[in-house]
N, C-alpha and C. Protein backbone atom coordinates (compact mmCIF):
# COMPACT_ATOMS: atom_id res chain seq x y z
N MET A 1 3.16 28.93 -19.01
CA MET A 1 4.11 28.96 -17.84
C MET A 1 4.99 27.96 -17.46
N PRO A 2 6.63 28.01 -17.00
CA PRO A 2 7.25 26.91 -16.65
C PRO A 2 6.83 26.07 -15.19
N ALA A 3 7.40 24.75 -15.34
CA ALA A 3 7.25 24.20 -14.16
C ALA A 3 8.03 24.67 -13.07
N THR A 4 8.08 24.80 -12.02
CA THR A 4 8.48 24.80 -10.89
C THR A 4 9.52 23.67 -10.53
N ARG A 5 10.68 23.47 -9.89
CA ARG A 5 11.12 22.49 -9.20
C ARG A 5 10.79 21.23 -8.75
N SER A 6 9.58 21.86 -7.56
CA SER A 6 8.89 20.76 -7.00
C SER A 6 7.67 20.33 -8.15
N GLU A 7 7.21 21.00 -8.88
CA GLU A 7 6.20 20.21 -9.87
C GLU A 7 6.89 19.29 -10.77
N LEU A 8 8.12 19.61 -11.33
CA LEU A 8 8.95 18.85 -11.82
C LEU A 8 9.38 17.62 -11.39
N GLY A 9 9.49 17.85 -9.81
CA GLY A 9 9.89 16.47 -8.80
C GLY A 9 8.94 15.84 -8.69
N VAL A 10 7.47 16.21 -8.76
CA VAL A 10 6.27 15.24 -8.16
C VAL A 10 6.06 14.43 -9.65
N ARG A 11 6.33 15.34 -11.23
CA ARG A 11 6.25 14.77 -12.57
C ARG A 11 7.04 13.52 -12.78
N LEU A 12 8.49 13.65 -12.42
CA LEU A 12 9.59 12.71 -12.41
C LEU A 12 9.10 11.51 -11.28
N ALA A 13 8.69 11.91 -10.39
CA ALA A 13 8.39 10.72 -9.23
C ALA A 13 7.28 9.95 -9.97
N LEU A 14 6.14 10.30 -10.34
CA LEU A 14 5.04 9.74 -10.99
C LEU A 14 5.41 9.15 -11.84
N ASP A 15 5.99 9.61 -12.92
CA ASP A 15 6.69 9.02 -14.02
C ASP A 15 7.43 7.61 -13.68
N ALA A 16 8.47 7.99 -12.66
CA ALA A 16 9.29 6.53 -12.12
C ALA A 16 8.50 5.39 -11.59
N LEU A 17 7.35 6.19 -10.60
CA LEU A 17 6.56 4.78 -10.05
C LEU A 17 5.46 4.16 -11.21
N ALA A 18 5.16 4.79 -12.26
CA ALA A 18 4.36 4.37 -13.34
C ALA A 18 5.28 3.35 -14.18
N ARG A 19 6.36 3.69 -14.57
CA ARG A 19 7.58 2.88 -15.11
C ARG A 19 8.16 1.61 -14.37
N GLU A 20 8.45 1.96 -13.32
CA GLU A 20 9.30 1.02 -12.62
C GLU A 20 8.59 0.34 -11.71
N GLY A 21 7.87 0.67 -11.02
CA GLY A 21 6.66 0.24 -10.03
C GLY A 21 7.27 0.32 -8.57
N ASP A 22 8.05 1.00 -8.51
CA ASP A 22 8.70 1.71 -7.10
C ASP A 22 9.68 2.67 -7.52
N LEU A 23 10.14 3.32 -6.22
CA LEU A 23 11.02 4.69 -6.38
C LEU A 23 11.58 4.81 -5.06
N TRP A 24 13.14 4.83 -5.01
CA TRP A 24 13.63 4.94 -3.85
C TRP A 24 14.08 6.86 -3.72
N LEU A 25 13.42 7.28 -3.01
CA LEU A 25 13.88 8.84 -2.82
C LEU A 25 14.50 9.12 -1.75
N SER A 26 15.21 10.26 -1.76
CA SER A 26 15.94 10.72 -0.60
C SER A 26 15.51 12.62 -0.46
N GLY A 27 16.15 12.98 0.56
CA GLY A 27 15.79 14.62 0.83
C GLY A 27 14.66 14.98 1.59
N ALA A 28 14.03 13.89 2.06
CA ALA A 28 13.02 14.38 2.94
C ALA A 28 13.09 15.63 3.86
N SER A 29 11.94 16.13 4.29
CA SER A 29 11.85 17.02 5.45
C SER A 29 11.84 16.31 6.78
N ARG A 30 12.04 17.47 7.78
CA ARG A 30 12.31 16.78 9.03
C ARG A 30 11.00 16.69 9.92
N SER A 31 9.70 17.12 8.94
CA SER A 31 8.20 16.34 9.19
C SER A 31 8.32 15.11 10.02
N MET A 32 9.07 14.33 9.55
CA MET A 32 8.88 12.74 10.00
C MET A 32 9.84 12.32 10.85
N LEU A 33 10.64 13.26 11.66
CA LEU A 33 11.62 12.74 12.48
C LEU A 33 11.02 12.19 13.87
N PRO A 34 11.32 11.38 14.34
CA PRO A 34 12.56 10.82 14.21
C PRO A 34 12.80 9.72 13.14
N LEU A 35 11.58 8.87 13.04
CA LEU A 35 11.56 7.89 12.39
C LEU A 35 12.15 7.92 10.68
N ILE A 36 12.04 9.16 9.96
CA ILE A 36 12.64 9.25 8.75
C ILE A 36 13.44 10.75 8.79
N ARG A 37 14.67 10.51 8.76
CA ARG A 37 15.45 11.32 8.89
C ARG A 37 15.66 12.04 7.32
N PRO A 38 16.15 13.24 7.26
CA PRO A 38 16.39 13.90 6.06
C PRO A 38 17.59 13.08 5.25
N GLU A 39 18.68 12.64 5.84
CA GLU A 39 19.42 11.97 5.02
C GLU A 39 18.92 10.41 4.78
N ASP A 40 18.09 9.88 5.25
CA ASP A 40 17.33 8.49 4.85
C ASP A 40 16.78 8.43 3.58
N GLU A 41 16.84 7.28 2.99
CA GLU A 41 16.18 7.11 1.61
C GLU A 41 14.69 6.42 2.01
N VAL A 42 13.45 6.71 1.26
CA VAL A 42 12.34 5.91 1.51
C VAL A 42 12.05 5.07 -0.04
N ARG A 43 11.43 3.98 0.05
CA ARG A 43 10.90 3.36 -1.09
C ARG A 43 9.64 3.30 -1.27
N LEU A 44 9.41 4.16 -2.15
CA LEU A 44 7.88 4.08 -2.60
C LEU A 44 7.28 2.96 -3.55
N VAL A 45 5.92 2.92 -3.28
CA VAL A 45 5.42 1.94 -4.21
C VAL A 45 3.96 2.57 -4.48
N PRO A 46 3.32 2.19 -5.82
CA PRO A 46 1.98 2.79 -6.13
C PRO A 46 0.99 2.23 -4.96
N VAL A 47 -0.03 2.80 -4.45
CA VAL A 47 -1.17 2.46 -3.72
C VAL A 47 -2.46 2.82 -3.91
N ASP A 48 -3.46 1.87 -3.88
CA ASP A 48 -4.79 2.19 -4.50
C ASP A 48 -5.35 2.98 -3.34
N PRO A 49 -5.55 4.46 -3.29
CA PRO A 49 -5.94 5.41 -2.05
C PRO A 49 -7.39 4.65 -1.28
N ALA A 50 -7.99 3.35 -2.23
CA ALA A 50 -9.11 2.84 -1.32
C ALA A 50 -8.57 2.04 -0.10
N ARG A 51 -7.24 1.54 -0.26
CA ARG A 51 -6.57 0.44 0.59
C ARG A 51 -5.70 1.34 1.68
N VAL A 52 -5.64 2.70 1.80
CA VAL A 52 -5.10 3.41 2.46
C VAL A 52 -5.67 3.04 3.81
N VAL A 53 -4.96 2.71 4.89
CA VAL A 53 -5.42 2.65 6.41
C VAL A 53 -4.52 3.66 7.43
N PRO A 54 -4.94 3.64 8.45
CA PRO A 54 -4.44 4.31 9.56
C PRO A 54 -3.17 3.71 9.85
N GLY A 55 -2.15 4.94 10.13
CA GLY A 55 -0.66 3.84 10.22
C GLY A 55 -0.04 3.92 9.18
N MET A 56 -0.43 3.78 8.02
CA MET A 56 0.33 3.70 7.08
C MET A 56 1.21 5.09 6.51
N VAL A 57 2.44 5.11 6.15
CA VAL A 57 3.05 6.52 5.84
C VAL A 57 2.81 6.55 4.29
N ILE A 58 2.26 7.48 3.72
CA ILE A 58 2.01 7.53 2.37
C ILE A 58 2.65 8.61 1.63
N ALA A 59 2.73 9.22 0.49
CA ALA A 59 3.25 10.01 -0.09
C ALA A 59 2.00 10.54 -0.98
N TYR A 60 1.64 12.03 -0.37
CA TYR A 60 0.65 12.65 -1.46
C TYR A 60 1.22 14.25 -1.82
N ARG A 61 0.43 14.33 -2.75
CA ARG A 61 0.57 15.68 -3.73
C ARG A 61 -0.07 16.73 -2.80
N ARG A 62 0.49 17.79 -2.45
CA ARG A 62 0.02 19.00 -1.85
C ARG A 62 0.55 20.36 -2.37
N GLU A 63 -0.04 21.03 -3.15
CA GLU A 63 0.26 22.06 -4.04
C GLU A 63 1.61 22.07 -4.65
N GLU A 64 1.46 20.91 -5.66
CA GLU A 64 2.68 20.32 -6.44
C GLU A 64 4.00 20.01 -5.45
N ARG A 65 3.77 19.53 -4.44
CA ARG A 65 5.01 19.24 -3.63
C ARG A 65 4.49 17.79 -3.18
N LEU A 66 5.76 17.05 -3.14
CA LEU A 66 5.40 15.78 -2.54
C LEU A 66 5.31 15.80 -0.89
N VAL A 67 4.58 15.25 -0.32
CA VAL A 67 4.57 15.18 0.87
C VAL A 67 4.44 13.87 1.76
N ILE A 68 5.23 13.36 2.38
CA ILE A 68 5.43 11.79 3.07
C ILE A 68 4.88 12.22 4.48
N HIS A 69 3.82 11.65 5.05
CA HIS A 69 3.28 11.72 6.18
C HIS A 69 2.56 10.44 6.74
N ARG A 70 2.22 10.41 8.27
CA ARG A 70 1.57 9.18 8.42
C ARG A 70 0.02 9.33 8.12
N VAL A 71 -0.66 8.36 8.14
CA VAL A 71 -2.29 8.67 8.15
C VAL A 71 -2.73 8.32 9.48
N LEU A 72 -3.72 9.06 9.99
CA LEU A 72 -4.17 9.25 11.32
C LEU A 72 -5.72 8.47 11.07
N ALA A 73 -6.33 8.73 9.81
CA ALA A 73 -7.80 8.51 9.84
C ALA A 73 -8.00 8.83 8.29
N CYS A 74 -8.99 7.87 7.87
CA CYS A 74 -9.71 7.93 6.42
C CYS A 74 -11.25 8.02 6.39
N GLY A 75 -11.41 8.97 5.91
CA GLY A 75 -12.99 9.22 5.91
C GLY A 75 -13.77 9.60 4.66
N ASP A 76 -14.83 9.99 4.67
CA ASP A 76 -15.25 10.67 3.25
C ASP A 76 -14.72 11.64 2.92
N ALA A 77 -14.45 12.54 3.86
CA ALA A 77 -14.08 14.01 3.44
C ALA A 77 -12.41 13.82 2.91
N GLY A 78 -11.73 12.75 3.17
CA GLY A 78 -10.47 12.70 2.83
C GLY A 78 -9.72 11.59 3.86
N ILE A 79 -8.34 12.04 3.66
CA ILE A 79 -7.44 11.11 4.61
C ILE A 79 -6.77 12.52 5.35
N VAL A 80 -6.88 12.04 6.77
CA VAL A 80 -6.07 12.85 7.66
C VAL A 80 -4.81 12.43 7.69
N ALA A 81 -3.67 13.22 7.49
CA ALA A 81 -2.33 12.70 7.78
C ALA A 81 -1.42 13.82 8.53
N LYS A 82 -0.38 13.35 8.94
CA LYS A 82 0.33 14.19 9.97
C LYS A 82 1.84 13.50 10.37
N GLY A 83 2.69 14.55 9.91
CA GLY A 83 4.21 14.07 10.27
C GLY A 83 4.20 13.89 11.69
N ASP A 84 5.33 13.00 11.92
CA ASP A 84 5.36 12.37 13.18
C ASP A 84 5.90 13.43 14.06
N ALA A 85 6.63 14.49 13.72
CA ALA A 85 7.09 15.77 14.26
C ALA A 85 6.38 16.95 14.43
N SER A 86 5.03 16.79 13.79
CA SER A 86 4.24 17.82 13.71
C SER A 86 3.07 17.72 14.83
N ALA A 87 2.99 18.97 15.15
CA ALA A 87 2.07 18.97 16.30
C ALA A 87 0.40 19.09 15.97
N SER A 88 0.29 18.97 14.91
CA SER A 88 -1.05 19.24 14.46
C SER A 88 -1.17 18.40 12.97
N PRO A 89 -2.78 17.85 12.89
CA PRO A 89 -2.44 17.12 11.22
C PRO A 89 -2.64 18.38 10.09
N ASP A 90 -2.20 17.65 9.11
CA ASP A 90 -2.57 18.28 7.87
C ASP A 90 -3.84 18.34 7.11
N PRO A 91 -4.25 19.44 6.63
CA PRO A 91 -5.70 19.75 6.02
C PRO A 91 -6.00 18.32 5.38
N PRO A 92 -7.02 17.73 5.57
CA PRO A 92 -7.42 16.54 5.04
C PRO A 92 -7.12 16.39 3.27
N VAL A 93 -6.71 15.12 2.93
CA VAL A 93 -5.95 14.89 1.77
C VAL A 93 -6.82 14.01 0.99
N ARG A 94 -7.12 14.55 -0.30
CA ARG A 94 -8.14 13.88 -1.49
C ARG A 94 -7.59 12.72 -1.72
N ARG A 95 -8.44 11.81 -1.69
CA ARG A 95 -7.91 10.42 -2.06
C ARG A 95 -7.27 10.43 -3.62
N ASP A 96 -7.54 11.22 -4.28
CA ASP A 96 -6.78 11.48 -5.75
C ASP A 96 -5.43 11.76 -5.64
N ASP A 97 -5.06 12.54 -4.48
CA ASP A 97 -3.70 13.24 -4.33
C ASP A 97 -2.83 12.21 -3.89
N VAL A 98 -3.16 10.98 -3.37
CA VAL A 98 -2.22 10.13 -2.73
C VAL A 98 -1.43 9.45 -3.77
N LEU A 99 -0.25 9.26 -3.84
CA LEU A 99 0.73 8.97 -4.99
C LEU A 99 0.86 7.31 -4.71
N ALA A 100 1.44 7.29 -3.48
CA ALA A 100 2.11 6.28 -3.12
C ALA A 100 2.34 5.84 -1.75
N ARG A 101 2.77 4.67 -1.09
CA ARG A 101 3.13 4.30 0.07
C ARG A 101 4.49 4.25 0.12
N VAL A 102 5.14 4.44 1.54
CA VAL A 102 6.27 4.28 1.61
C VAL A 102 6.54 2.52 2.44
N VAL A 103 7.42 1.73 1.94
CA VAL A 103 7.20 0.22 2.34
C VAL A 103 8.57 0.27 2.91
N ALA A 104 9.49 0.72 2.55
CA ALA A 104 11.02 0.50 3.14
C ALA A 104 11.66 1.73 3.48
N LEU A 105 12.69 1.70 4.29
CA LEU A 105 13.51 2.90 4.58
C LEU A 105 15.06 2.27 4.56
N ARG A 106 15.68 3.09 4.26
CA ARG A 106 17.26 2.96 4.13
C ARG A 106 18.04 4.10 4.66
N SER A 107 18.36 3.64 5.66
CA SER A 107 19.24 4.51 6.66
C SER A 107 20.52 5.12 6.29
N ALA A 108 21.11 6.42 6.82
CA ALA A 108 22.12 6.83 6.06
C ALA A 108 23.56 5.55 6.50
N ARG A 109 23.41 5.12 7.26
CA ARG A 109 24.00 3.78 7.95
C ARG A 109 24.21 2.82 6.85
N GLY A 110 23.28 2.29 6.05
CA GLY A 110 22.87 1.60 5.13
C GLY A 110 21.98 0.29 5.39
N ARG A 111 21.56 0.51 6.68
CA ARG A 111 20.40 -0.20 7.43
C ARG A 111 19.15 -0.18 6.42
N SER A 112 18.62 -1.37 6.02
CA SER A 112 17.36 -1.18 5.62
C SER A 112 16.27 -1.95 6.31
N VAL A 113 14.77 -1.44 6.09
CA VAL A 113 13.87 -1.74 7.08
C VAL A 113 12.89 -1.81 6.07
N ASP A 114 12.10 -2.86 6.29
CA ASP A 114 11.10 -3.50 5.40
C ASP A 114 9.54 -2.91 6.23
N PHE A 115 8.79 -1.97 5.83
CA PHE A 115 7.66 -1.46 6.82
C PHE A 115 6.71 -2.11 6.55
N THR A 116 6.90 -3.38 5.51
CA THR A 116 5.04 -4.34 5.30
C THR A 116 5.41 -5.55 6.00
N ALA A 117 6.90 -5.75 6.82
CA ALA A 117 7.26 -7.12 7.52
C ALA A 117 7.06 -6.73 8.87
N PHE A 118 6.46 -7.99 9.57
CA PHE A 118 6.46 -7.88 11.28
C PHE A 118 7.72 -7.15 11.90
N PRO A 119 7.62 -6.12 12.83
CA PRO A 119 6.46 -5.89 13.71
C PRO A 119 5.82 -4.52 12.96
N TRP A 120 6.34 -4.13 11.72
CA TRP A 120 5.91 -2.77 11.24
C TRP A 120 4.39 -2.42 11.11
N PRO A 121 3.81 -3.41 10.68
CA PRO A 121 2.03 -2.93 10.52
C PRO A 121 1.64 -2.62 11.78
N LEU A 122 2.16 -3.24 12.94
CA LEU A 122 1.51 -3.33 14.13
C LEU A 122 2.03 -1.93 14.87
N LEU A 123 3.39 -1.70 14.87
CA LEU A 123 4.15 -0.43 15.01
C LEU A 123 3.24 0.80 14.62
N ASP A 124 3.29 0.68 12.86
CA ASP A 124 2.58 1.89 12.51
C ASP A 124 1.20 2.24 12.94
N ARG A 125 0.38 1.24 13.35
CA ARG A 125 -0.89 1.36 13.93
C ARG A 125 -0.99 2.05 14.97
N LEU A 126 0.32 1.47 15.85
CA LEU A 126 0.22 1.89 17.44
C LEU A 126 0.89 3.62 17.20
N LEU A 127 1.74 3.58 16.43
CA LEU A 127 2.27 5.04 16.35
C LEU A 127 0.95 6.04 15.78
N SER A 128 0.46 5.49 14.92
CA SER A 128 -0.91 6.39 14.37
C SER A 128 -1.81 6.89 15.55
N ALA A 129 -2.52 6.08 16.46
CA ALA A 129 -2.94 6.20 17.35
C ALA A 129 -2.09 7.02 18.34
N ILE A 130 -1.16 7.01 18.92
CA ILE A 130 -0.39 7.95 19.64
C ILE A 130 -0.34 9.21 18.83
N ALA A 131 0.13 9.38 17.65
CA ALA A 131 -0.02 10.79 16.94
C ALA A 131 -1.58 11.30 17.02
N THR A 132 -2.48 10.81 17.01
CA THR A 132 -3.68 11.28 16.90
C THR A 132 -4.07 11.65 18.42
N LEU A 133 -3.59 10.82 19.30
CA LEU A 133 -3.89 11.31 20.81
C LEU A 133 -3.34 12.74 21.01
N ALA A 134 -1.75 12.90 20.58
CA ALA A 134 -0.85 13.71 20.91
C ALA A 134 -1.38 15.05 20.12
N SER A 135 -2.08 15.07 18.82
CA SER A 135 -2.35 15.92 18.02
C SER A 135 -3.71 16.86 18.53
N ARG A 136 -4.39 16.19 19.48
CA ARG A 136 -5.86 16.73 20.04
C ARG A 136 -5.90 17.95 20.60
N PRO A 137 -6.03 19.04 20.39
CA PRO A 137 -6.08 20.28 20.88
C PRO A 137 -6.79 20.31 22.17
N PRO A 138 -5.97 21.44 23.13
CA PRO A 138 -6.78 21.35 24.55
C PRO A 138 -8.03 21.92 24.24
N PRO A 139 -8.73 21.71 25.51
CA PRO A 139 -10.05 21.66 25.49
C PRO A 139 -10.69 23.29 25.11
N ASP A 140 -9.75 24.07 25.44
CA ASP A 140 -10.06 25.67 25.39
C ASP A 140 -9.04 26.35 24.36
N ALA A 141 -8.98 27.30 24.14
CA ALA A 141 -8.16 28.32 23.28
C ALA A 141 -6.98 28.69 24.14
N ARG A 142 -6.74 28.60 25.13
CA ARG A 142 -5.47 28.93 25.79
C ARG A 142 -4.40 28.09 25.38
N PRO A 143 -3.12 28.65 25.77
CA PRO A 143 -1.72 28.05 25.13
C PRO A 143 -1.68 26.66 25.84
N PRO A 144 -0.95 25.61 25.48
CA PRO A 144 -0.79 24.43 26.14
C PRO A 144 -0.32 24.69 27.54
N SER A 145 -0.46 24.00 28.40
CA SER A 145 0.01 24.18 30.05
C SER A 145 1.28 23.40 29.57
N LEU A 146 1.96 23.56 31.09
CA LEU A 146 3.41 22.90 31.05
C LEU A 146 2.93 21.49 31.10
N GLY A 147 2.27 20.96 31.85
CA GLY A 147 1.49 19.41 31.75
C GLY A 147 1.23 19.16 30.40
N ARG A 148 0.34 19.96 29.92
CA ARG A 148 0.20 19.50 28.37
C ARG A 148 1.31 19.19 27.49
N ARG A 149 2.37 20.11 27.72
CA ARG A 149 3.85 20.25 26.80
C ARG A 149 4.70 18.89 27.07
N LEU A 150 4.62 18.37 28.42
CA LEU A 150 5.24 17.38 28.88
C LEU A 150 4.55 16.12 28.74
N ALA A 151 3.36 16.26 28.23
CA ALA A 151 2.37 14.91 28.08
C ALA A 151 2.97 14.91 26.54
N TRP A 152 2.89 15.86 25.78
CA TRP A 152 3.09 15.56 24.11
C TRP A 152 4.46 15.10 24.18
N LYS A 153 5.48 15.49 25.01
CA LYS A 153 6.62 14.91 24.80
C LYS A 153 7.07 13.64 25.10
N THR A 154 6.03 13.15 26.28
CA THR A 154 6.27 11.63 26.71
C THR A 154 5.50 10.96 25.46
N LEU A 155 4.72 11.36 25.07
CA LEU A 155 4.14 10.61 23.78
C LEU A 155 4.81 10.45 22.71
N ARG A 156 5.80 11.41 22.70
CA ARG A 156 7.09 11.20 21.81
C ARG A 156 7.83 10.02 21.73
N VAL A 157 7.95 9.31 22.84
CA VAL A 157 9.04 8.38 23.36
C VAL A 157 8.95 7.33 22.28
N PRO A 158 7.48 6.68 21.75
CA PRO A 158 7.38 5.53 21.65
C PRO A 158 8.39 5.66 19.70
N PHE A 159 8.15 7.01 19.27
CA PHE A 159 8.84 7.29 18.00
C PHE A 159 9.89 6.96 18.08
N TYR A 160 10.75 7.22 19.02
CA TYR A 160 12.08 7.43 19.32
C TYR A 160 12.69 6.11 19.32
N LEU A 161 11.89 5.12 20.07
CA LEU A 161 11.97 4.00 20.03
C LEU A 161 11.93 2.77 18.96
N ALA A 162 10.91 3.42 18.25
CA ALA A 162 10.81 2.69 16.79
C ALA A 162 12.09 2.98 15.87
N ARG A 163 12.68 4.10 15.76
CA ARG A 163 13.80 4.64 15.38
C ARG A 163 14.85 3.61 15.61
N LEU A 164 15.19 3.18 16.97
CA LEU A 164 16.18 2.29 17.40
C LEU A 164 16.25 0.99 16.37
N LEU A 165 14.94 0.75 15.98
CA LEU A 165 14.79 -0.54 15.12
C LEU A 165 15.33 -0.34 13.60
N VAL A 166 15.58 1.07 13.40
CA VAL A 166 15.91 1.04 12.18
C VAL A 166 17.54 1.54 12.52
N ALA A 167 17.79 2.22 13.12
CA ALA A 167 19.50 2.65 13.34
C ALA A 167 20.38 1.61 13.40
């Protein structure tokens, strides 16, 4: 059976990472807005899955697609990740499916940001904690109230402030 376009994309990304040691990639989805916009490019470098920590933005394989999301937690069951713009976390990611870490971003305006340099490691941890808080389900099964929706929107403010450091 021939490979799909996304399967080929994941294979090409893995090959480029293995050969070159890093890879600039564009065409992201909107799940990491506002920090990573679809027109931005991100730099991926291989990462040892055992060294993945909360706050880190990783690239992992999900059903033959490459997903770039922020790590919320790491445990025996896998890694919990979530897009910054998503309301709920992804299903747990197996450590074997983690392919790379996002270490830099180049905006459409040409501005480059190194996510390994100060203040980004601290900001990433803070954004991870906020994303974890924002993704907690309401205590009952009822739809979120107006107050809960406003709280979620308020918790989005730090993500927009972080984007100001990129723009």
